[in-house]
Amino acid sequence: MAETPTEPARSSLRSSAAPPSGAPSGGALERALSAEHAAVYAYGVIGGKTSGALLKRATAGFDAHRARRDQLRTLITRRGGTPAEPGPTYLLPFEVRGPADAVRLALLVEQRVTTAYLELAADRDPALRRIAALAAQECATRAYGWQPKLGPFPGMDREEAGVDVTVPTSGSESPPADSAGTPGQEAQPESSAPDGQ
């Protein structure tokens, strides 16, 4: 996880990277790649604010998003496109001060990446649809691991869904109960590795 910045920017996980040129799939493939770039960045921040079991979960999430990012880069290149590079930094939707904030960010990251893959799942290419479905399933599973409660469908406002969004507690290393994110906050998951990884 050596891609983690020493001082992550905060405010609204958005990249300043230029969009890819010449790639097919109506932009859904590129948007999925952008979401994965953001997720790799965000998981670096998450890992830097966690320890113990939460750090192991953050490391697994980082590795999974990095693998999907690399897979999407390869797909875009094979289809004649130029994959976008990650932004130099991403603005987070809130300051990540400790484990509770890290869990909130992880939940938001997984929701945003799931949404990107759901768009890709509508592509005409069956191979892309399969990749998108599997990736969305993985994101949903990771989100449940961070907070073992059912959440709203991607894109649905949490308050609108009437979902309990408290952060799980399980022992001394887990964060205290907290909000899982404010509806309407901008964030596209991307993360790098926690310091020292």
Protein backbone atom coordinates (compact mmCIF):
# COMPACT_ATOMS: atom_id res chain seq x y z
CA MET A 1 0.00 0.00 0.00
CA ALA A 2 2.82 2.36 -0.93
CA GLU A 3 0.59 4.69 -2.92
CA THR A 4 -0.73 6.55 0.14
CA PRO A 5 -0.10 10.28 0.32
CA THR A 6 1.38 11.63 3.53
CA GLU A 7 -1.21 14.40 3.86
CA PRO A 8 -4.50 13.46 2.20
CA ALA A 9 -6.62 16.32 0.99
CA ARG A 10 -10.17 16.45 2.26
CA SER A 11 -13.49 17.71 1.15
CA SER A 12 -14.92 15.84 -1.80
CA LEU A 13 -13.14 12.85 -3.35
CA ARG A 14 -12.85 14.20 -6.86
CA SER A 15 -9.93 13.82 -9.20
CA SER A 16 -8.23 16.46 -11.24
CA ALA A 17 -7.07 13.88 -13.80
CA ALA A 18 -8.02 14.39 -17.42
CA PRO A 19 -10.65 12.02 -18.83
CA PRO A 20 -9.43 9.19 -21.07
CA SER A 21 -9.62 9.62 -24.79
CA GLY A 22 -10.97 7.24 -27.38
CA ALA A 23 -12.31 4.55 -25.06
CA PRO A 24 -15.60 2.84 -25.96
CA SER A 25 -18.57 1.88 -23.76
CA GLY A 26 -20.16 5.32 -23.59
CA GLY A 27 -17.97 6.44 -20.73
CA ALA A 28 -19.26 3.89 -18.18
CA LEU A 29 -15.99 1.96 -18.28
CA GLU A 30 -14.04 5.18 -17.76
CA ARG A 31 -16.29 6.24 -14.90
CA ALA A 32 -15.77 2.87 -13.23
CA LEU A 33 -12.01 3.36 -13.59
CA SER A 34 -12.28 6.86 -12.09
CA ALA A 35 -14.25 5.43 -9.16
CA GLU A 36 -11.55 2.80 -8.63
CA HIS A 37 -8.80 5.43 -8.74
CA ALA A 38 -10.68 7.36 -6.05
CA ALA A 39 -11.25 4.17 -4.02
CA VAL A 40 -7.55 3.33 -4.01
CA TYR A 41 -6.78 6.81 -2.69
CA ALA A 42 -9.51 6.72 -0.05
CA TYR A 43 -8.50 3.31 1.23
CA GLY A 44 -4.99 4.64 1.79
CA VAL A 45 -6.49 7.29 4.05
CA ILE A 46 -8.74 4.71 5.72
CA GLY A 47 -5.78 2.42 6.41
CA GLY A 48 -3.83 5.29 7.92
CA LYS A 49 -6.56 5.89 10.50
CA THR A 50 -7.21 2.30 11.55
CA SER A 51 -5.40 -0.52 13.31
CA GLY A 52 -5.88 -4.17 14.16
CA ALA A 53 -8.85 -5.86 12.47
CA LEU A 54 -9.99 -2.60 10.86
CA LEU A 55 -6.54 -2.12 9.28
CA LYS A 56 -6.67 -5.67 7.91
CA ARG A 57 -10.08 -4.92 6.41
CA ALA A 58 -8.75 -1.63 4.95
CA THR A 59 -5.74 -3.41 3.45
CA ALA A 60 -7.98 -6.03 1.84
CA GLY A 61 -10.22 -3.28 0.43
CA PHE A 62 -7.21 -1.39 -0.89
CA ASP A 63 -5.84 -4.50 -2.61
CA ALA A 64 -9.24 -5.39 -4.12
CA HIS A 65 -9.82 -1.91 -5.53
CA ARG A 66 -6.28 -1.74 -6.88
CA ALA A 67 -6.77 -5.08 -8.67
CA ARG A 68 -10.08 -3.90 -10.20
CA ARG A 69 -8.45 -0.61 -11.20
CA ASP A 70 -5.69 -2.49 -13.01
CA GLN A 71 -8.23 -4.77 -14.69
CA LEU A 72 -10.19 -1.76 -15.98
CA ARG A 73 -7.02 -0.09 -17.26
CA THR A 74 -6.20 -3.22 -19.23
CA LEU A 75 -9.74 -3.47 -20.64
CA ILE A 76 -9.70 0.14 -21.82
CA THR A 77 -6.29 -0.30 -23.46
CA ARG A 78 -7.34 -3.53 -25.21
CA ARG A 79 -10.41 -1.74 -26.57
CA GLY A 80 -8.25 0.98 -28.12
CA GLY A 81 -8.73 3.61 -25.43
CA THR A 82 -6.34 5.46 -23.20
CA PRO A 83 -7.07 4.89 -19.51
CA ALA A 84 -7.09 7.97 -17.32
CA GLU A 85 -4.37 8.29 -14.76
CA PRO A 86 -5.35 8.93 -11.15
CA GLY A 87 -5.46 12.47 -9.89
CA PRO A 88 -2.52 13.66 -7.80
CA THR A 89 -4.89 13.96 -4.85
CA TYR A 90 -8.57 13.65 -4.07
CA LEU A 91 -10.77 15.80 -1.88
CA LEU A 92 -12.54 13.84 0.81
CA PRO A 93 -16.16 14.62 1.80
CA PHE A 94 -15.13 15.07 5.45
CA GLU A 95 -11.99 15.03 7.54
CA VAL A 96 -10.94 11.54 8.56
CA ARG A 97 -9.73 11.93 12.14
CA GLY A 98 -10.01 8.41 13.47
CA PRO A 99 -11.51 4.94 13.08
CA ALA A 100 -15.16 6.09 13.13
CA ASP A 101 -14.52 8.51 10.26
CA ALA A 102 -12.53 5.84 8.42
CA VAL A 103 -15.49 3.46 8.59
CA ARG A 104 -17.85 6.21 7.37
CA LEU A 105 -15.52 6.86 4.43
CA ALA A 106 -15.21 3.16 3.59
CA LEU A 107 -19.00 2.82 3.46
CA LEU A 108 -19.29 5.86 1.21
CA VAL A 109 -16.50 4.61 -1.04
CA GLU A 110 -18.14 1.24 -1.50
CA GLN A 111 -21.51 2.81 -2.24
CA ARG A 112 -20.04 5.15 -4.87
CA VAL A 113 -18.03 2.41 -6.56
CA THR A 114 -21.07 0.13 -6.59
CA THR A 115 -23.03 2.88 -8.33
CA ALA A 116 -20.32 3.19 -11.00
CA TYR A 117 -20.41 -0.55 -11.64
CA LEU A 118 -24.19 -0.61 -11.84
CA GLU A 119 -23.95 1.83 -14.73
CA LEU A 120 -21.37 -0.39 -16.43
CA ALA A 121 -23.67 -3.40 -15.91
CA ALA A 122 -26.00 -1.88 -18.51
CA ASP A 123 -23.34 -2.14 -21.25
CA ARG A 124 -24.13 -4.22 -24.36
CA ASP A 125 -20.99 -6.32 -23.94
CA PRO A 126 -21.77 -9.43 -21.84
CA ALA A 127 -18.15 -9.61 -20.63
CA LEU A 128 -18.35 -6.06 -19.25
CA ARG A 129 -21.73 -6.79 -17.68
CA ARG A 130 -20.27 -9.82 -15.91
CA ILE A 131 -17.24 -7.87 -14.62
CA ALA A 132 -19.53 -5.07 -13.43
CA ALA A 133 -21.90 -7.44 -11.64
CA LEU A 134 -19.07 -9.22 -9.85
CA ALA A 135 -17.38 -5.95 -8.87
CA ALA A 136 -20.65 -4.48 -7.55
CA GLN A 137 -21.23 -7.65 -5.54
CA GLU A 138 -17.73 -7.38 -4.06
CA CYS A 139 -18.33 -3.74 -3.09
CA ALA A 140 -21.63 -4.61 -1.42
CA THR A 141 -19.94 -7.43 0.51
CA ARG A 142 -17.13 -5.12 1.66
CA ALA A 143 -19.63 -2.46 2.73
CA TYR A 144 -21.49 -5.07 4.77
CA GLY A 145 -18.18 -6.07 6.37
CA TRP A 146 -17.61 -2.49 7.47
CA GLN A 147 -21.17 -2.15 8.71
CA PRO A 148 -23.15 -5.38 8.97
CA LYS A 149 -26.53 -3.82 8.34
CA LEU A 150 -28.50 -3.57 5.17
CA GLY A 151 -28.18 -0.22 3.46
CA PRO A 152 -30.17 1.51 0.74
CA PHE A 153 -29.82 0.68 -2.92
CA PRO A 154 -26.93 2.60 -4.52
CA GLY A 155 -28.02 6.11 -5.38
CA MET A 156 -30.84 6.06 -2.82
CA ASP A 157 -30.62 8.59 -0.01
CA ARG A 158 -29.94 6.82 3.32
CA GLU A 159 -32.56 8.89 5.16
CA GLU A 160 -35.04 8.19 2.39
CA ALA A 161 -34.44 4.47 2.83
CA GLY A 162 -34.98 4.67 6.59
CA VAL A 163 -31.77 2.74 7.25
CA ASP A 164 -29.91 2.69 10.54
CA VAL A 165 -26.47 3.97 9.64
CA THR A 166 -24.59 3.61 12.91
CA VAL A 167 -21.02 2.39 12.80
CA PRO A 168 -20.64 -1.12 14.24
CA THR A 169 -18.73 -1.66 17.43
CA SER A 170 -16.94 -4.88 18.24
CA GLY A 171 -14.27 -4.56 20.86
CA SER A 172 -11.90 -1.82 21.85
CA GLU A 173 -10.34 -1.26 18.43
CA SER A 174 -13.62 -0.63 16.63
CA PRO A 175 -14.98 2.90 16.29
CA PRO A 176 -17.88 4.21 18.35
CA ALA A 177 -21.33 4.56 16.82
CA ASP A 178 -21.44 7.38 14.29
CA SER A 179 -23.19 8.50 11.12
CA ALA A 180 -22.29 6.58 7.96
CA GLY A 181 -22.31 9.64 5.74
CA THR A 182 -24.36 12.63 4.90
CA PRO A 183 -26.60 12.35 1.85
CA GLY A 184 -25.56 14.60 -0.98
CA GLN A 185 -21.88 14.67 -0.05
CA GLU A 186 -19.60 14.33 -3.02
CA ALA A 187 -17.09 11.53 -2.89
CA GLN A 188 -15.70 9.10 -5.35
CA PRO A 189 -13.71 6.40 -3.64
CA GLU A 190 -10.06 6.16 -4.37
CA SER A 191 -7.34 5.24 -2.05
CA SER A 192 -3.72 4.57 -1.59
CA ALA A 193 -1.99 2.44 0.92
CA PRO A 194 -1.71 3.43 4.56
CA ASP A 195 1.68 4.75 5.66
CA GLY A 196 4.28 2.06 5.99
CA GLN A 197 2.44 -0.48 3.87
